[in-house]
Amino acid sequence: MGIEILRPSATGFDFSGVAERDVVIVPAFGVTLQDFRTLRERGVVVVDTTCGSVLNVWKRVDTYARDGFTSLIHGKHYHEETRATASQVTKYPGGAYLVVRDMGEAALVCDYIEGRGDRARFMERLGAAAASPDFDPDRHLERIGVANQTTMLARESLAIGEVVGQSMERSRGPEYKAANFRTFDTICSATQDRQDAVEALLVDPPDLMVVIGGYNSSNTISLAALCAVKVPTYHVEDADCIEVESAAVRYRPIGGGPEQSKSPLLPPGPVRVGVTAGASTPNNKIGEAIARIFATRGIALSALD
C-alpha cells in the first residue's frame, strides 16, 4: 500500500521525507512531544493510535511534573515509549525525570536518598542518557513519583516503587514520605494478563516454554525472562523460527545477544510444551507456531481432536 516505516534513532524520528498532507500513523507506544510538534509544523494528517495504557502513564507523569515531583520511570531509557513518557515533563519549567532499568539501578537511587551514594558515580551510571537535562540528584530526589514503561515486569515495577518509598521513609520519616512520594501501578492490562497467565501455567511447569514475539518487543522479552526462571525457554520471533524438517529452533537467548539455534527443539519421549506470546503477536502466527511444534514430531493438526 506504499506505507513507509519511519525508524526511530537515538535522537528521535527523521521526518525529512514527510511532506505536507502526508498521513502519519503514530504507533501504540506514542512519540515525544517534540515529534508531535514537528508533525504539526509540517502540516501532516496525524492518526494517533497511542495506547490508552500509555496515555494513563503520561497523565501520571504530567501530574508529577505539575506538582514538582521528579518522575522515576522503570523502563529502558532508549525505548520509544519511555522516551515519549519522559518528554511529558517538558511541559513544565524545571520538570525532571530519571529512568531506572532494574532493581539494581533503583538501589543506587535508594543509596543516594539515604546519604550513601557518591554523586560522581551516580551521574556516571544514571545521569547521561537516563536523566533529564540538568538533573541534580541532590535536588531532584527530594520529591519522587514512580511510573513505568507499560511492558515491564509488573512485579519488578511494584517492587521498585516499594523500595524507593521505604528508602524515603527511612531517610526522613513516614510523614515526609506521605507528602513527597507517590506511586501507581500503570502496567498495561494486556501485558499484565499474559504475565498472570504465565505465572499460573508455571505452577505445574511444562518441560519447556516457547515464547512468540518480536526480539525487540519489551513485553515479550519480559515474558521470556519470567518463564526462564522455572523452565528452559525459547523466545522465537515468529513461526518460521521453528524448522520442521530439522526439528530445530532459532531463538533469542534470555538477556539478549545474537540469535542461536538448537536441534532438536523437543527432547526425546513424551514432552509438555508451554506456549505464550507477546501482546502484539497475531493469533494466526501463534497458531502457525503451535502447528510447527507438532510437525517437528510428524504430527499434523488435522490428526488431533
C-alpha atoms as a PDB file:
ATOM      1  CA  MET A   1       0.000   0.000   0.000  1.00  0.00           C
ATOM      2  CA  GLY A   2       3.031   2.271  -0.158  1.00  0.00           C
ATOM      3  CA  ILE A   3       3.353   2.651   3.609  1.00  0.00           C
ATOM      4  CA  GLU A   4       6.853   3.673   4.724  1.00  0.00           C
ATOM      5  CA  ILE A   5       8.163   2.920   8.211  1.00  0.00           C
ATOM      6  CA  LEU A   6       9.899   5.828   9.952  1.00  0.00           C
ATOM      7  CA  ARG A   7      12.574   4.244  12.128  1.00  0.00           C
ATOM      8  CA  PRO A   8      13.496   5.926  15.417  1.00  0.00           C
ATOM      9  CA  SER A   9      17.090   6.791  16.220  1.00  0.00           C
ATOM     10  CA  ALA A  10      18.856   7.937  19.379  1.00  0.00           C
ATOM     11  CA  THR A  11      17.730  11.497  18.673  1.00  0.00           C
ATOM     12  CA  GLY A  12      14.177  10.726  17.535  1.00  0.00           C
ATOM     13  CA  PHE A  13      12.437  10.156  14.219  1.00  0.00           C
ATOM     14  CA  ASP A  14      13.702  11.544  10.917  1.00  0.00           C
ATOM     15  CA  PHE A  15      10.773  13.410   9.365  1.00  0.00           C
ATOM     16  CA  SER A  16      12.765  14.911   6.486  1.00  0.00           C
ATOM     17  CA  GLY A  17      10.915  12.742   3.963  1.00  0.00           C
ATOM     18  CA  VAL A  18       7.463  13.666   5.278  1.00  0.00           C
ATOM     19  CA  ALA A  19       5.563  16.242   3.199  1.00  0.00           C
ATOM     20  CA  GLU A  20       2.508  18.376   3.849  1.00  0.00           C
ATOM     21  CA  ARG A  21      -0.784  16.410   3.767  1.00  0.00           C
ATOM     22  CA  ASP A  22       1.015  13.082   4.147  1.00  0.00           C
ATOM     23  CA  VAL A  23      -0.727  10.748   6.593  1.00  0.00           C
ATOM     24  CA  VAL A  24       1.436   9.748   9.573  1.00  0.00           C
ATOM     25  CA  ILE A  25       0.292   6.995  11.932  1.00  0.00           C
ATOM     26  CA  VAL A  26       1.621   7.393  15.475  1.00  0.00           C
ATOM     27  CA  PRO A  27       2.284   3.931  16.993  1.00  0.00           C
ATOM     28  CA  ALA A  28       0.752   2.499  20.144  1.00  0.00           C
ATOM     29  CA  PHE A  29       3.729   3.408  22.342  1.00  0.00           C
ATOM     30  CA  GLY A  30       3.399   7.061  21.274  1.00  0.00           C
ATOM     31  CA  VAL A  31       6.004   9.640  20.307  1.00  0.00           C
ATOM     32  CA  THR A  32       7.652  12.512  22.160  1.00  0.00           C
ATOM     33  CA  LEU A  33       6.094  15.953  22.493  1.00  0.00           C
ATOM     34  CA  GLN A  34       8.766  17.291  20.140  1.00  0.00           C
ATOM     35  CA  ASP A  35       7.818  14.720  17.496  1.00  0.00           C
ATOM     36  CA  PHE A  36       4.170  15.801  17.777  1.00  0.00           C
ATOM     37  CA  ARG A  37       5.193  19.433  17.371  1.00  0.00           C
ATOM     38  CA  THR A  38       7.301  18.636  14.314  1.00  0.00           C
ATOM     39  CA  LEU A  39       4.437  16.780  12.649  1.00  0.00           C
ATOM     40  CA  ARG A  40       2.029  19.648  13.280  1.00  0.00           C
ATOM     41  CA  GLU A  41       4.515  22.140  11.884  1.00  0.00           C
ATOM     42  CA  ARG A  42       4.818  20.054   8.710  1.00  0.00           C
ATOM     43  CA  GLY A  43       1.050  20.117   8.228  1.00  0.00           C
ATOM     44  CA  VAL A  44       0.613  16.354   8.046  1.00  0.00           C
ATOM     45  CA  VAL A  45      -2.515  14.357   8.868  1.00  0.00           C
ATOM     46  CA  VAL A  46      -1.790  12.587  12.167  1.00  0.00           C
ATOM     47  CA  VAL A  47      -3.568   9.345  13.040  1.00  0.00           C
ATOM     48  CA  ASP A  48      -2.783   8.885  16.721  1.00  0.00           C
ATOM     49  CA  THR A  49      -3.029   5.251  17.877  1.00  0.00           C
ATOM     50  CA  THR A  50      -1.257   5.802  21.212  1.00  0.00           C
ATOM     51  CA  CYS A  51      -2.487   3.091  23.584  1.00  0.00           C
ATOM     52  CA  GLY A  52      -4.772   4.101  26.433  1.00  0.00           C
ATOM     53  CA  SER A  53      -2.469   2.387  28.925  1.00  0.00           C
ATOM     54  CA  VAL A  54       0.404   4.568  27.727  1.00  0.00           C
ATOM     55  CA  LEU A  55      -1.774   7.673  27.965  1.00  0.00           C
ATOM     56  CA  ASN A  56      -2.553   6.704  31.555  1.00  0.00           C
ATOM     57  CA  VAL A  57       1.169   6.775  32.368  1.00  0.00           C
ATOM     58  CA  TRP A  58       1.514  10.145  30.625  1.00  0.00           C
ATOM     59  CA  LYS A  59      -1.242  11.568  32.832  1.00  0.00           C
ATOM     60  CA  ARG A  60       0.588  10.369  35.944  1.00  0.00           C
ATOM     61  CA  VAL A  61       3.894  11.859  34.792  1.00  0.00           C
ATOM     62  CA  ASP A  62       2.163  15.109  33.828  1.00  0.00           C
ATOM     63  CA  THR A  63       0.693  15.337  37.346  1.00  0.00           C
ATOM     64  CA  TYR A  64       4.056  14.613  38.938  1.00  0.00           C
ATOM     65  CA  ALA A  65       5.794  17.345  36.940  1.00  0.00           C
ATOM     66  CA  ARG A  66       2.982  19.839  37.565  1.00  0.00           C
ATOM     67  CA  ASP A  67       3.228  19.249  41.322  1.00  0.00           C
ATOM     68  CA  GLY A  68       7.020  19.479  41.423  1.00  0.00           C
ATOM     69  CA  PHE A  69       7.795  15.756  41.674  1.00  0.00           C
ATOM     70  CA  THR A  70      10.588  14.033  39.756  1.00  0.00           C
ATOM     71  CA  SER A  71       9.266  11.161  37.635  1.00  0.00           C
ATOM     72  CA  LEU A  72      11.198   7.986  38.417  1.00  0.00           C
ATOM     73  CA  ILE A  73      10.404   5.750  35.440  1.00  0.00           C
ATOM     74  CA  HIS A  74      11.001   1.991  35.488  1.00  0.00           C
ATOM     75  CA  GLY A  75      11.873   1.254  31.882  1.00  0.00           C
ATOM     76  CA  LYS A  76      14.517   1.210  29.181  1.00  0.00           C
ATOM     77  CA  HIS A  77      15.748   4.748  28.575  1.00  0.00           C
ATOM     78  CA  TYR A  78      16.265   4.064  24.856  1.00  0.00           C
ATOM     79  CA  HIS A  79      12.792   2.596  24.291  1.00  0.00           C
ATOM     80  CA  GLU A  80      10.405   4.758  22.248  1.00  0.00           C
ATOM     81  CA  GLU A  81       7.641   4.512  24.854  1.00  0.00           C
ATOM     82  CA  THR A  82       9.865   5.559  27.742  1.00  0.00           C
ATOM     83  CA  ARG A  83      11.297   8.454  25.722  1.00  0.00           C
ATOM     84  CA  ALA A  84       7.760   9.593  24.924  1.00  0.00           C
ATOM     85  CA  THR A  85       6.740   9.309  28.579  1.00  0.00           C
ATOM     86  CA  ALA A  86       9.789  11.205  29.806  1.00  0.00           C
ATOM     87  CA  SER A  87       9.092  14.024  27.341  1.00  0.00           C
ATOM     88  CA  GLN A  88       5.833  14.805  29.160  1.00  0.00           C
ATOM     89  CA  VAL A  89       7.752  16.544  31.953  1.00  0.00           C
ATOM     90  CA  THR A  90       8.996  19.182  29.484  1.00  0.00           C
ATOM     91  CA  LYS A  91       5.596  20.855  29.649  1.00  0.00           C
ATOM     92  CA  TYR A  92       6.629  22.376  32.972  1.00  0.00           C
ATOM     93  CA  PRO A  93       9.651  24.554  33.820  1.00  0.00           C
ATOM     94  CA  GLY A  94      12.142  22.546  35.823  1.00  0.00           C
ATOM     95  CA  GLY A  95      10.395  19.244  35.102  1.00  0.00           C
ATOM     96  CA  ALA A  96      12.709  16.308  35.858  1.00  0.00           C
ATOM     97  CA  TYR A  97      12.809  12.571  35.222  1.00  0.00           C
ATOM     98  CA  LEU A  98      15.136   9.644  35.883  1.00  0.00           C
ATOM     99  CA  VAL A  99      14.864   6.226  34.199  1.00  0.00           C
ATOM    100  CA  VAL A 100      15.930   3.064  36.045  1.00  0.00           C
ATOM    101  CA  ARG A 101      16.224  -0.214  34.158  1.00  0.00           C
ATOM    102  CA  ASP A 102      16.004  -2.652  37.066  1.00  0.00           C
ATOM    103  CA  MET A 103      16.215  -3.147  40.807  1.00  0.00           C
ATOM    104  CA  GLY A 104      19.995  -2.719  40.721  1.00  0.00           C
ATOM    105  CA  GLU A 105      19.686   0.821  39.363  1.00  0.00           C
ATOM    106  CA  ALA A 106      16.830   1.538  41.779  1.00  0.00           C
ATOM    107  CA  ALA A 107      19.176   0.540  44.603  1.00  0.00           C
ATOM    108  CA  LEU A 108      21.575   3.305  43.506  1.00  0.00           C
ATOM    109  CA  VAL A 109      18.703   5.775  43.864  1.00  0.00           C
ATOM    110  CA  CYS A 110      17.898   4.442  47.339  1.00  0.00           C
ATOM    111  CA  ASP A 111      21.528   4.712  48.398  1.00  0.00           C
ATOM    112  CA  TYR A 112      21.621   8.345  47.307  1.00  0.00           C
ATOM    113  CA  ILE A 113      18.363   9.170  49.058  1.00  0.00           C
ATOM    114  CA  GLU A 114      19.766   7.725  52.295  1.00  0.00           C
ATOM    115  CA  GLY A 115      23.084   9.566  52.006  1.00  0.00           C
ATOM    116  CA  ARG A 116      25.253   6.603  50.980  1.00  0.00           C
ATOM    117  CA  GLY A 117      25.649   7.482  47.313  1.00  0.00           C
ATOM    118  CA  ASP A 118      28.573   9.040  45.503  1.00  0.00           C
ATOM    119  CA  ARG A 119      27.458  11.891  43.238  1.00  0.00           C
ATOM    120  CA  ALA A 120      30.086  11.301  40.542  1.00  0.00           C
ATOM    121  CA  ARG A 121      29.365   7.558  40.379  1.00  0.00           C
ATOM    122  CA  PHE A 122      25.622   8.174  40.378  1.00  0.00           C
ATOM    123  CA  MET A 123      25.792  10.647  37.497  1.00  0.00           C
ATOM    124  CA  GLU A 124      28.150   8.428  35.537  1.00  0.00           C
ATOM    125  CA  ARG A 125      25.772   5.465  35.840  1.00  0.00           C
ATOM    126  CA  LEU A 126      22.399   7.197  35.509  1.00  0.00           C
ATOM    127  CA  GLY A 127      22.887  10.851  34.682  1.00  0.00           C
ATOM    128  CA  ALA A 128      23.710  10.796  30.973  1.00  0.00           C
ATOM    129  CA  ALA A 129      21.134   9.087  28.770  1.00  0.00           C
ATOM    130  CA  ALA A 130      18.721   8.139  31.561  1.00  0.00           C
ATOM    131  CA  ALA A 131      18.036  11.524  33.147  1.00  0.00           C
ATOM    132  CA  SER A 132      16.527  14.854  32.167  1.00  0.00           C
ATOM    133  CA  PRO A 133      18.888  17.695  31.209  1.00  0.00           C
ATOM    134  CA  ASP A 134      20.382  19.439  34.251  1.00  0.00           C
ATOM    135  CA  PHE A 135      19.307  16.574  36.509  1.00  0.00           C
ATOM    136  CA  ASP A 136      20.664  17.123  40.021  1.00  0.00           C
ATOM    137  CA  PRO A 137      20.294  14.182  42.426  1.00  0.00           C
ATOM    138  CA  ASP A 138      20.686  16.496  45.410  1.00  0.00           C
ATOM    139  CA  ARG A 139      17.546  18.409  44.368  1.00  0.00           C
ATOM    140  CA  HIS A 140      15.563  16.064  42.178  1.00  0.00           C
ATOM    141  CA  LEU A 141      15.393  13.075  44.518  1.00  0.00           C
ATOM    142  CA  GLU A 142      13.631  15.021  47.266  1.00  0.00           C
ATOM    143  CA  ARG A 143      10.139  14.504  45.791  1.00  0.00           C
ATOM    144  CA  ILE A 144       9.555  11.373  43.687  1.00  0.00           C
ATOM    145  CA  GLY A 145       6.655   9.932  41.719  1.00  0.00           C
ATOM    146  CA  VAL A 146       7.127   6.410  40.323  1.00  0.00           C
ATOM    147  CA  ALA A 147       5.854   5.437  36.867  1.00  0.00           C
ATOM    148  CA  ASN A 148       6.801   2.709  34.407  1.00  0.00           C
ATOM    149  CA  GLN A 149       7.098   1.617  30.833  1.00  0.00           C
ATOM    150  CA  THR A 150       3.874  -0.340  30.445  1.00  0.00           C
ATOM    151  CA  THR A 151       5.539  -3.522  29.168  1.00  0.00           C
ATOM    152  CA  MET A 152       7.998  -4.129  32.002  1.00  0.00           C
ATOM    153  CA  LEU A 153       7.669  -6.949  34.521  1.00  0.00           C
ATOM    154  CA  ALA A 154       4.823  -5.865  36.776  1.00  0.00           C
ATOM    155  CA  ARG A 155       6.265  -7.399  39.930  1.00  0.00           C
ATOM    156  CA  GLU A 156       9.568  -5.572  39.409  1.00  0.00           C
ATOM    157  CA  SER A 157       7.824  -2.223  38.837  1.00  0.00           C
ATOM    158  CA  LEU A 158       5.834  -2.678  42.039  1.00  0.00           C
ATOM    159  CA  ALA A 159       8.933  -3.755  43.945  1.00  0.00           C
ATOM    160  CA  ILE A 160      10.895  -0.704  42.762  1.00  0.00           C
ATOM    161  CA  GLY A 161       8.112   1.595  43.924  1.00  0.00           C
ATOM    162  CA  GLU A 162       8.085  -0.182  47.279  1.00  0.00           C
ATOM    163  CA  VAL A 163      11.831   0.015  47.948  1.00  0.00           C
ATOM    164  CA  VAL A 164      12.105   3.670  46.898  1.00  0.00           C
ATOM    165  CA  GLY A 165       9.188   4.573  49.179  1.00  0.00           C
ATOM    166  CA  GLN A 166      10.787   2.658  52.065  1.00  0.00           C
ATOM    167  CA  SER A 167      14.065   4.448  51.411  1.00  0.00           C
ATOM    168  CA  MET A 168      12.419   7.861  51.655  1.00  0.00           C
ATOM    169  CA  GLU A 169      10.739   6.827  54.886  1.00  0.00           C
ATOM    170  CA  ARG A 170      13.996   5.577  56.412  1.00  0.00           C
ATOM    171  CA  SER A 171      15.744   8.759  55.345  1.00  0.00           C
ATOM    172  CA  ARG A 172      13.251  11.365  56.553  1.00  0.00           C
ATOM    173  CA  GLY A 173      10.363   9.640  58.257  1.00  0.00           C
ATOM    174  CA  PRO A 174       6.815   8.498  57.386  1.00  0.00           C
ATOM    175  CA  GLU A 175       5.317  11.997  57.312  1.00  0.00           C
ATOM    176  CA  TYR A 176       7.883  13.162  54.782  1.00  0.00           C
ATOM    177  CA  LYS A 177       7.249  10.086  52.645  1.00  0.00           C
ATOM    178  CA  ALA A 178       3.486  10.656  52.734  1.00  0.00           C
ATOM    179  CA  ALA A 179       3.925  14.204  51.421  1.00  0.00           C
ATOM    180  CA  ASN A 180       6.744  13.647  48.944  1.00  0.00           C
ATOM    181  CA  PHE A 181       6.337  10.168  47.434  1.00  0.00           C
ATOM    182  CA  ARG A 182       3.760   8.795  45.004  1.00  0.00           C
ATOM    183  CA  THR A 183       3.483   5.523  43.126  1.00  0.00           C
ATOM    184  CA  PHE A 184       0.887   3.833  40.894  1.00  0.00           C
ATOM    185  CA  ASP A 185       0.659   0.515  39.036  1.00  0.00           C
ATOM    186  CA  THR A 186       0.473   1.510  35.370  1.00  0.00           C
ATOM    187  CA  ILE A 187       1.379  -1.804  33.705  1.00  0.00           C
ATOM    188  CA  CYS A 188      -0.715  -2.326  30.559  1.00  0.00           C
ATOM    189  CA  SER A 189      -3.622  -4.759  31.038  1.00  0.00           C
ATOM    190  CA  ALA A 190      -2.625  -6.918  28.052  1.00  0.00           C
ATOM    191  CA  THR A 191       0.888  -7.241  29.467  1.00  0.00           C
ATOM    192  CA  GLN A 192      -0.461  -7.964  32.960  1.00  0.00           C
ATOM    193  CA  ASP A 193      -2.900 -10.613  31.685  1.00  0.00           C
ATOM    194  CA  ARG A 194      -0.099 -12.504  29.946  1.00  0.00           C
ATOM    195  CA  GLN A 195       2.239 -12.318  32.916  1.00  0.00           C
ATOM    196  CA  ASP A 196      -0.535 -13.570  35.212  1.00  0.00           C
ATOM    197  CA  ALA A 197      -1.316 -16.431  32.809  1.00  0.00           C
ATOM    198  CA  VAL A 198       2.339 -17.477  32.665  1.00  0.00           C
ATOM    199  CA  GLU A 199       2.602 -17.391  36.461  1.00  0.00           C
ATOM    200  CA  ALA A 200      -0.430 -19.701  36.664  1.00  0.00           C
ATOM    201  CA  LEU A 201       0.955 -22.027  33.981  1.00  0.00           C
ATOM    202  CA  LEU A 202       4.293 -22.314  35.784  1.00  0.00           C
ATOM    203  CA  VAL A 203       2.663 -23.568  38.994  1.00  0.00           C
ATOM    204  CA  ASP A 204       2.810 -27.006  37.309  1.00  0.00           C
ATOM    205  CA  PRO A 205       5.706 -26.298  34.958  1.00  0.00           C
ATOM    206  CA  PRO A 206       5.867 -27.821  31.475  1.00  0.00           C
ATOM    207  CA  ASP A 207       9.125 -29.299  30.210  1.00  0.00           C
ATOM    208  CA  LEU A 208       9.878 -26.177  28.172  1.00  0.00           C
ATOM    209  CA  MET A 209       8.343 -22.875  27.095  1.00  0.00           C
ATOM    210  CA  VAL A 210       8.102 -21.319  23.653  1.00  0.00           C
ATOM    211  CA  VAL A 211       7.539 -17.542  23.734  1.00  0.00           C
ATOM    212  CA  ILE A 212       6.451 -15.993  20.424  1.00  0.00           C
ATOM    213  CA  GLY A 213       7.038 -12.333  19.607  1.00  0.00           C
ATOM    214  CA  GLY A 214       9.450  -9.757  18.230  1.00  0.00           C
ATOM    215  CA  TYR A 215      13.005  -9.780  19.512  1.00  0.00           C
ATOM    216  CA  ASN A 216      12.680  -6.044  20.213  1.00  0.00           C
ATOM    217  CA  SER A 217       9.289  -6.401  21.943  1.00  0.00           C
ATOM    218  CA  SER A 218       9.676  -5.372  25.569  1.00  0.00           C
ATOM    219  CA  ASN A 219       6.623  -7.230  26.861  1.00  0.00           C
ATOM    220  CA  THR A 220       7.675 -10.414  25.011  1.00  0.00           C
ATOM    221  CA  ILE A 221      11.179 -10.177  26.477  1.00  0.00           C
ATOM    222  CA  SER A 222       9.611  -9.820  29.936  1.00  0.00           C
ATOM    223  CA  LEU A 223       7.523 -12.965  29.377  1.00  0.00           C
ATOM    224  CA  ALA A 224      10.583 -14.930  28.286  1.00  0.00           C
ATOM    225  CA  ALA A 225      12.511 -13.789  31.366  1.00  0.00           C
ATOM    226  CA  LEU A 226       9.606 -14.808  33.599  1.00  0.00           C
ATOM    227  CA  CYS A 227       9.457 -18.289  32.054  1.00  0.00           C
ATOM    228  CA  ALA A 228      13.222 -18.836  32.101  1.00  0.00           C
ATOM    229  CA  VAL A 229      13.261 -18.693  35.912  1.00  0.00           C
ATOM    230  CA  LYS A 230      11.413 -22.043  36.006  1.00  0.00           C
ATOM    231  CA  VAL A 231      11.974 -23.933  32.722  1.00  0.00           C
ATOM    232  CA  PRO A 232      14.115 -23.954  29.556  1.00  0.00           C
ATOM    233  CA  THR A 233      12.669 -21.139  27.429  1.00  0.00           C
ATOM    234  CA  TYR A 234      12.936 -20.335  23.727  1.00  0.00           C
ATOM    235  CA  HIS A 235      11.990 -16.839  22.564  1.00  0.00           C
ATOM    236  CA  VAL A 236      11.166 -17.132  18.853  1.00  0.00           C
ATOM    237  CA  GLU A 237      10.454 -14.116  16.669  1.00  0.00           C
ATOM    238  CA  ASP A 238       7.795 -15.914  14.631  1.00  0.00           C
ATOM    239  CA  ALA A 239       6.664 -19.363  13.496  1.00  0.00           C
ATOM    240  CA  ASP A 240       9.425 -19.578  10.863  1.00  0.00           C
ATOM    241  CA  CYS A 241      11.954 -19.922  13.691  1.00  0.00           C
ATOM    242  CA  ILE A 242      10.637 -23.463  14.262  1.00  0.00           C
ATOM    243  CA  GLU A 243      12.175 -25.519  11.455  1.00  0.00           C
ATOM    244  CA  VAL A 244      10.038 -28.566  10.777  1.00  0.00           C
ATOM    245  CA  GLU A 245      12.424 -30.655   8.662  1.00  0.00           C
ATOM    246  CA  SER A 246      15.368 -30.403  11.055  1.00  0.00           C
ATOM    247  CA  ALA A 247      13.143 -30.164  14.175  1.00  0.00           C
ATOM    248  CA  ALA A 248      15.381 -27.262  15.235  1.00  0.00           C
ATOM    249  CA  VAL A 249      14.553 -23.888  16.726  1.00  0.00           C
ATOM    250  CA  ARG A 250      16.163 -20.481  16.178  1.00  0.00           C
ATOM    251  CA  TYR A 251      15.740 -18.328  19.255  1.00  0.00           C
ATOM    252  CA  ARG A 252      16.970 -15.251  21.092  1.00  0.00           C
ATOM    253  CA  PRO A 253      18.836 -16.058  24.316  1.00  0.00           C
ATOM    254  CA  ILE A 254      17.359 -14.702  27.535  1.00  0.00           C
ATOM    255  CA  GLY A 255      19.136 -11.458  28.304  1.00  0.00           C
ATOM    256  CA  GLY A 256      19.907 -10.644  24.674  1.00  0.00           C
ATOM    257  CA  GLY A 257      22.603 -11.457  22.170  1.00  0.00           C
ATOM    258  CA  PRO A 258      22.566 -12.863  18.628  1.00  0.00           C
ATOM    259  CA  GLU A 259      20.063 -15.480  17.533  1.00  0.00           C
ATOM    260  CA  GLN A 260      21.060 -19.057  18.374  1.00  0.00           C
ATOM    261  CA  SER A 261      19.929 -22.479  17.155  1.00  0.00           C
ATOM    262  CA  LYS A 262      19.134 -25.705  18.965  1.00  0.00           C
ATOM    263  CA  SER A 263      18.368 -29.080  17.448  1.00  0.00           C
ATOM    264  CA  PRO A 264      16.121 -30.752  18.234  1.00  0.00           C
ATOM    265  CA  LEU A 265      13.720 -28.351  19.915  1.00  0.00           C
ATOM    266  CA  LEU A 266      11.938 -31.160  21.784  1.00  0.00           C
ATOM    267  CA  PRO A 267      13.722 -33.717  23.964  1.00  0.00           C
ATOM    268  CA  PRO A 268      13.049 -37.427  23.290  1.00  0.00           C
ATOM    269  CA  GLY A 269       9.924 -39.094  24.628  1.00  0.00           C
ATOM    270  CA  PRO A 270       6.695 -37.554  25.909  1.00  0.00           C
ATOM    271  CA  VAL A 271       7.019 -33.808  26.435  1.00  0.00           C
ATOM    272  CA  ARG A 272       4.811 -30.988  27.728  1.00  0.00           C
ATOM    273  CA  VAL A 273       5.288 -27.692  25.897  1.00  0.00           C
ATOM    274  CA  GLY A 274       4.002 -24.372  27.193  1.00  0.00           C
ATOM    275  CA  VAL A 275       3.278 -21.584  24.717  1.00  0.00           C
ATOM    276  CA  THR A 276       2.771 -17.874  25.283  1.00  0.00           C
ATOM    277  CA  ALA A 277       3.121 -14.786  23.101  1.00  0.00           C
ATOM    278  CA  GLY A 278       3.637 -11.049  23.255  1.00  0.00           C
ATOM    279  CA  ALA A 279       0.646  -8.741  23.334  1.00  0.00           C
ATOM    280  CA  SER A 280       1.031  -7.715  19.681  1.00  0.00           C
ATOM    281  CA  THR A 281       1.716 -11.173  18.246  1.00  0.00           C
ATOM    282  CA  PRO A 282      -1.082 -12.011  15.756  1.00  0.00           C
ATOM    283  CA  ASN A 283      -3.191 -15.043  16.613  1.00  0.00           C
ATOM    284  CA  ASN A 284      -2.510 -16.664  13.250  1.00  0.00           C
ATOM    285  CA  LYS A 285       1.246 -16.543  13.981  1.00  0.00           C
ATOM    286  CA  ILE A 286       0.658 -18.225  17.337  1.00  0.00           C
ATOM    287  CA  GLY A 287      -1.416 -20.928  15.670  1.00  0.00           C
ATOM    288  CA  GLU A 288       1.215 -21.467  12.997  1.00  0.00           C
ATOM    289  CA  ALA A 289       3.933 -21.818  15.634  1.00  0.00           C
ATOM    290  CA  ILE A 290       1.894 -24.426  17.517  1.00  0.00           C
ATOM    291  CA  ALA A 291       1.323 -26.350  14.289  1.00  0.00           C
ATOM    292  CA  ARG A 292       5.045 -26.335  13.570  1.00  0.00           C
ATOM    293  CA  ILE A 293       5.866 -27.606  17.067  1.00  0.00           C
ATOM    294  CA  PHE A 294       3.619 -30.617  16.465  1.00  0.00           C
ATOM    295  CA  ALA A 295       5.052 -31.038  12.962  1.00  0.00           C
ATOM    296  CA  THR A 296       8.573 -31.484  14.374  1.00  0.00           C
ATOM    297  CA  ARG A 297       7.220 -34.772  15.742  1.00  0.00           C
ATOM    298  CA  GLY A 298       5.483 -35.629  12.476  1.00  0.00           C
ATOM    299  CA  ILE A 299       2.018 -34.829  13.827  1.00  0.00           C
ATOM    300  CA  ALA A 300      -0.445 -32.868  11.705  1.00  0.00           C
ATOM    301  CA  LEU A 301      -3.034 -30.724  13.444  1.00  0.00           C
ATOM    302  CA  SER A 302      -5.723 -32.410  11.375  1.00  0.00           C
ATOM    303  CA  ALA A 303      -4.920 -35.622  13.255  1.00  0.00           C
ATOM    304  CA  LEU A 304      -5.648 -34.021  16.604  1.00  0.00           C
ATOM    305  CA  ASP A 305      -9.048 -33.766  18.260  1.00  0.00           C
END
